[in-house]
Each structure stands twice: as structure tokens, then as C-alpha cells.
């Protein structure tokens, strides 16, 4: 798993696992060549990443949550959190409660983030304001 690209992490979703299981069955039945198997998975990786990158409705979705963090890990630009007693709220106002939630996230590539320059500028302005406040506090 450590050597997967950012696009390949979608293989671990339900649809990705189902595709892999189906392709494995076809290869075992000699109805699909192994080269085509690899080509289909590469195509899946590219298309699923493009869909999430280009679909504005999906990019704008936000969710707020409160929970107790049981475990967290960061490895190979990927985050994993195991949360308990979670309360989730979507930007549409829907609320969900769950005893256990697993979150798996991949760090976004700044080149693919539409607002990355604007976010960087806002972050820098925020850092400058913090420095100014600290300087004022030190002068007192």
C-alpha cells in the first residue's frame, strides 16, 4: 500500500474492490489477459480521480464533525483517523451520529487544487497578522 499513487487509493473503495474481484475472476477463467487487467485498473485510477477533481458539486461539499479521536496515522501523504462517538453535519444541514467512523484521506496535490494560490495568500496574511499581534504584545 505504501507505493500506491494518490489516484490508486480509490482501489480500496467498495467499487474498486468489486472491480478488482471481477477482473481477478475473469483472469482466472482465462477470459481476460493480464495485460488488459492492468490497463483496466490504470484506466479506473485515472477516470475516478478525474471525476472527483472535475465535479464542482463534489469539490464544494464540506462536512463538520465532532468526535473523539481513538487513533490517527500519517504515512505516505495519507491520513487515517479512527473516531468514536462522532457527530457529523453536512453543509446542507443533515446530521449523522455514529459510534465509530473511519476516515481515510490523501493529501491534495497543490497543482490540482483550484484555489491553492488564494489559500496560500490567505494563510500568509494570517501568519503576518499573528506576527504583528505578537510584536505588539511584546512591546507592551
C-alpha atoms as a PDB file:
ATOM      1  CA  UNK A   1       0.000   0.000   0.000  1.00  0.00           C
ATOM      2  CA  UNK A   2       2.900   2.353   0.665  1.00  0.00           C
ATOM      3  CA  UNK A   3       3.817   2.516  -3.012  1.00  0.00           C
ATOM      4  CA  UNK A   4       0.322   3.366  -4.331  1.00  0.00           C
ATOM      5  CA  UNK A   5      -0.059   6.654  -6.152  1.00  0.00           C
ATOM      6  CA  UNK A   6      -2.602   9.181  -4.913  1.00  0.00           C
ATOM      7  CA  UNK A   7      -5.049   8.094  -7.636  1.00  0.00           C
ATOM      8  CA  UNK A   8      -4.727   4.389  -6.787  1.00  0.00           C
ATOM      9  CA  UNK A   9      -6.164   4.744  -3.290  1.00  0.00           C
ATOM     10  CA  UNK A  10      -9.645   4.575  -4.854  1.00  0.00           C
ATOM     11  CA  UNK A  11      -8.969   0.882  -5.442  1.00  0.00           C
ATOM     12  CA  UNK A  12      -9.631   0.340  -1.744  1.00  0.00           C
ATOM     13  CA  UNK A  13     -13.194   1.629  -2.022  1.00  0.00           C
ATOM     14  CA  UNK A  14     -16.137  -0.735  -2.452  1.00  0.00           C
ATOM     15  CA  UNK A  15     -16.360  -0.075  -6.175  1.00  0.00           C
ATOM     16  CA  UNK A  16     -12.590  -0.517  -6.578  1.00  0.00           C
ATOM     17  CA  UNK A  17     -12.562  -3.808  -4.670  1.00  0.00           C
ATOM     18  CA  UNK A  18     -15.543  -5.066  -6.679  1.00  0.00           C
ATOM     19  CA  UNK A  19     -13.771  -4.213  -9.937  1.00  0.00           C
ATOM     20  CA  UNK A  20     -10.592  -5.991  -8.803  1.00  0.00           C
ATOM     21  CA  UNK A  21     -12.531  -9.091  -7.693  1.00  0.00           C
ATOM     22  CA  UNK A  22     -14.377  -9.222 -11.024  1.00  0.00           C
ATOM     23  CA  UNK A  23     -11.174  -8.791 -13.048  1.00  0.00           C
ATOM     24  CA  UNK A  24      -9.413 -11.459 -10.956  1.00  0.00           C
ATOM     25  CA  UNK A  25     -12.258 -13.881 -11.702  1.00  0.00           C
ATOM     26  CA  UNK A  26     -12.068 -13.152 -15.426  1.00  0.00           C
ATOM     27  CA  UNK A  27      -8.288 -13.694 -15.475  1.00  0.00           C
ATOM     28  CA  UNK A  28      -8.645 -16.987 -13.581  1.00  0.00           C
ATOM     29  CA  UNK A  29     -11.268 -18.139 -16.092  1.00  0.00           C
ATOM     30  CA  UNK A  30      -8.861 -17.172 -18.917  1.00  0.00           C
ATOM     31  CA  UNK A  31     -11.444 -14.749 -20.312  1.00  0.00           C
ATOM     32  CA  UNK A  32      -9.168 -11.717 -19.785  1.00  0.00           C
ATOM     33  CA  UNK A  33      -5.467 -11.222 -20.463  1.00  0.00           C
ATOM     34  CA  UNK A  34      -3.307  -9.980 -17.536  1.00  0.00           C
ATOM     35  CA  UNK A  35      -2.152  -7.010 -19.659  1.00  0.00           C
ATOM     36  CA  UNK A  36      -5.752  -5.919 -20.142  1.00  0.00           C
ATOM     37  CA  UNK A  37      -6.324  -6.365 -16.387  1.00  0.00           C
ATOM     38  CA  UNK A  38      -3.541  -3.853 -15.694  1.00  0.00           C
ATOM     39  CA  UNK A  39      -4.812  -1.472 -18.361  1.00  0.00           C
ATOM     40  CA  UNK A  40      -8.343  -1.524 -16.916  1.00  0.00           C
ATOM     41  CA  UNK A  41      -7.044  -0.733 -13.409  1.00  0.00           C
ATOM     42  CA  UNK A  42      -4.892   2.137 -14.694  1.00  0.00           C
ATOM     43  CA  UNK A  43      -7.900   3.492 -16.587  1.00  0.00           C
ATOM     44  CA  UNK A  44     -10.044   3.173 -13.438  1.00  0.00           C
ATOM     45  CA  UNK A  45      -7.416   5.070 -11.392  1.00  0.00           C
ATOM     46  CA  UNK A  46      -7.303   7.911 -13.918  1.00  0.00           C
ATOM     47  CA  UNK A  47     -11.051   8.214 -14.506  1.00  0.00           C
ATOM     48  CA  UNK A  48     -12.170   8.065 -10.861  1.00  0.00           C
ATOM     49  CA  UNK A  49      -9.588  10.710  -9.887  1.00  0.00           C
ATOM     50  CA  UNK A  50     -10.686  12.929 -12.806  1.00  0.00           C
ATOM     51  CA  UNK A  51     -14.341  12.629 -11.816  1.00  0.00           C
ATOM     52  CA  UNK A  52     -13.668  13.816  -8.282  1.00  0.00           C
ATOM     53  CA  UNK A  53     -11.284  16.527  -9.449  1.00  0.00           C
ATOM     54  CA  UNK A  54     -13.642  17.974 -12.103  1.00  0.00           C
ATOM     55  CA  UNK A  55     -17.028  17.615 -10.441  1.00  0.00           C
ATOM     56  CA  UNK A  56     -17.590  21.035  -8.879  1.00  0.00           C
ATOM     57  CA  UNK A  57     -20.514  19.786  -6.795  1.00  0.00           C
ATOM     58  CA  UNK A  58     -18.278  17.221  -5.131  1.00  0.00           C
ATOM     59  CA  UNK A  59     -15.416  19.665  -4.631  1.00  0.00           C
ATOM     60  CA  UNK A  60     -17.615  22.099  -2.758  1.00  0.00           C
ATOM     61  CA  UNK A  61     -19.049  19.583  -0.283  1.00  0.00           C
ATOM     62  CA  UNK A  62     -17.971  20.152   3.254  1.00  0.00           C
ATOM     63  CA  UNK A  63     -18.649  18.291   6.433  1.00  0.00           C
ATOM     64  CA  UNK A  64     -18.096  19.334  10.009  1.00  0.00           C
ATOM     65  CA  UNK A  65     -17.704  16.768  12.707  1.00  0.00           C
ATOM     66  CA  UNK A  66     -17.110  16.366  16.399  1.00  0.00           C
ATOM     67  CA  UNK A  67     -15.678  13.147  17.709  1.00  0.00           C
ATOM     68  CA  UNK A  68     -13.126  11.567  19.970  1.00  0.00           C
ATOM     69  CA  UNK A  69     -10.004  10.544  18.092  1.00  0.00           C
ATOM     70  CA  UNK A  70      -9.114   6.979  19.010  1.00  0.00           C
ATOM     71  CA  UNK A  71      -6.214   6.538  16.542  1.00  0.00           C
ATOM     72  CA  UNK A  72      -4.554   8.550  13.801  1.00  0.00           C
ATOM     73  CA  UNK A  73      -1.729   7.904  11.355  1.00  0.00           C
ATOM     74  CA  UNK A  74       0.023   9.857   8.626  1.00  0.00           C
ATOM     75  CA  UNK A  75       2.043   7.812   6.163  1.00  0.00           C
ATOM     76  CA  UNK A  76       2.981   8.393   2.514  1.00  0.00           C
ATOM     77  CA  UNK A  77       0.876  11.587   2.232  1.00  0.00           C
ATOM     78  CA  UNK A  78      -2.171   9.704   3.530  1.00  0.00           C
ATOM     79  CA  UNK A  79      -4.143  10.295   6.721  1.00  0.00           C
ATOM     80  CA  UNK A  80      -6.091   7.665   8.620  1.00  0.00           C
ATOM     81  CA  UNK A  81      -8.288   8.503  11.611  1.00  0.00           C
ATOM     82  CA  UNK A  82     -10.398   6.194  13.740  1.00  0.00           C
ATOM     83  CA  UNK A  83     -13.058   8.266  15.505  1.00  0.00           C
ATOM     84  CA  UNK A  84     -15.564   7.313  18.194  1.00  0.00           C
ATOM     85  CA  UNK A  85     -18.818   8.967  19.261  1.00  0.00           C
ATOM     86  CA  UNK A  86     -18.931  11.015  16.069  1.00  0.00           C
ATOM     87  CA  UNK A  87     -21.472  13.701  15.234  1.00  0.00           C
ATOM     88  CA  UNK A  88     -21.322  14.782  11.586  1.00  0.00           C
ATOM     89  CA  UNK A  89     -23.061  17.716   9.908  1.00  0.00           C
ATOM     90  CA  UNK A  90     -23.076  18.369   6.148  1.00  0.00           C
ATOM     91  CA  UNK A  91     -23.121  21.809   4.553  1.00  0.00           C
ATOM     92  CA  UNK A  92     -26.730  21.022   3.585  1.00  0.00           C
ATOM     93  CA  UNK A  93     -27.685  20.785   7.270  1.00  0.00           C
ATOM     94  CA  UNK A  94     -28.068  16.996   7.539  1.00  0.00           C
ATOM     95  CA  UNK A  95     -26.840  15.465  10.801  1.00  0.00           C
ATOM     96  CA  UNK A  96     -25.496  11.982  11.414  1.00  0.00           C
ATOM     97  CA  UNK A  97     -24.486  10.218  14.600  1.00  0.00           C
ATOM     98  CA  UNK A  98     -22.193   7.191  14.690  1.00  0.00           C
ATOM     99  CA  UNK A  99     -20.352   5.260  17.362  1.00  0.00           C
ATOM    100  CA  UNK A 100     -17.347   4.542  15.074  1.00  0.00           C
ATOM    101  CA  UNK A 101     -16.095   6.360  11.968  1.00  0.00           C
ATOM    102  CA  UNK A 102     -13.017   5.627   9.854  1.00  0.00           C
ATOM    103  CA  UNK A 103     -11.611   8.477   7.774  1.00  0.00           C
ATOM    104  CA  UNK A 104      -9.055   7.852   5.037  1.00  0.00           C
ATOM    105  CA  UNK A 105      -7.712  10.905   3.197  1.00  0.00           C
ATOM    106  CA  UNK A 106      -4.991  11.681   0.689  1.00  0.00           C
ATOM    107  CA  UNK A 107      -3.119  14.968   0.677  1.00  0.00           C
ATOM    108  CA  UNK A 108      -4.234  17.115  -2.257  1.00  0.00           C
ATOM    109  CA  UNK A 109      -1.754  17.956  -4.969  1.00  0.00           C
ATOM    110  CA  UNK A 110      -1.470  21.780  -4.947  1.00  0.00           C
ATOM    111  CA  UNK A 111      -1.325  21.782  -8.762  1.00  0.00           C
ATOM    112  CA  UNK A 112      -4.779  20.213  -8.879  1.00  0.00           C
ATOM    113  CA  UNK A 113      -6.347  22.425  -6.233  1.00  0.00           C
ATOM    114  CA  UNK A 114      -8.248  25.252  -7.917  1.00  0.00           C
ATOM    115  CA  UNK A 115      -7.945  27.726  -5.067  1.00  0.00           C
ATOM    116  CA  UNK A 116      -4.439  26.784  -3.867  1.00  0.00           C
ATOM    117  CA  UNK A 117      -2.875  30.182  -4.676  1.00  0.00           C
ATOM    118  CA  UNK A 118      -5.699  32.042  -2.951  1.00  0.00           C
ATOM    119  CA  UNK A 119      -5.493  29.742   0.070  1.00  0.00           C
ATOM    120  CA  UNK A 120      -1.728  30.259   0.246  1.00  0.00           C
ATOM    121  CA  UNK A 121      -2.163  34.038   0.166  1.00  0.00           C
ATOM    122  CA  UNK A 122      -4.793  33.899   2.918  1.00  0.00           C
ATOM    123  CA  UNK A 123      -2.548  31.661   5.005  1.00  0.00           C
ATOM    124  CA  UNK A 124       0.370  34.083   4.592  1.00  0.00           C
ATOM    125  CA  UNK A 125      -1.830  37.046   5.561  1.00  0.00           C
ATOM    126  CA  UNK A 126      -2.964  35.167   8.650  1.00  0.00           C
ATOM    127  CA  UNK A 127       0.632  34.398   9.597  1.00  0.00           C
ATOM    128  CA  UNK A 128       1.588  38.046   9.118  1.00  0.00           C
ATOM    129  CA  UNK A 129      -1.288  39.161  11.361  1.00  0.00           C
ATOM    130  CA  UNK A 130      -0.184  36.703  14.065  1.00  0.00           C
ATOM    131  CA  UNK A 131       3.366  38.053  13.908  1.00  0.00           C
ATOM    132  CA  UNK A 132       2.073  41.636  14.158  1.00  0.00           C
ATOM    133  CA  UNK A 133      -0.038  40.766  17.219  1.00  0.00           C
ATOM    134  CA  UNK A 134       2.926  39.053  18.881  1.00  0.00           C
ATOM    135  CA  UNK A 135       5.116  42.090  18.200  1.00  0.00           C
ATOM    136  CA  UNK A 136       2.522  44.410  19.739  1.00  0.00           C
ATOM    137  CA  UNK A 137       2.182  42.147  22.766  1.00  0.00           C
ATOM    138  CA  UNK A 138       5.977  42.080  23.239  1.00  0.00           C
ATOM    139  CA  UNK A 139       6.173  45.894  23.060  1.00  0.00           C
ATOM    140  CA  UNK A 140       3.725  46.243  25.936  1.00  0.00           C
END
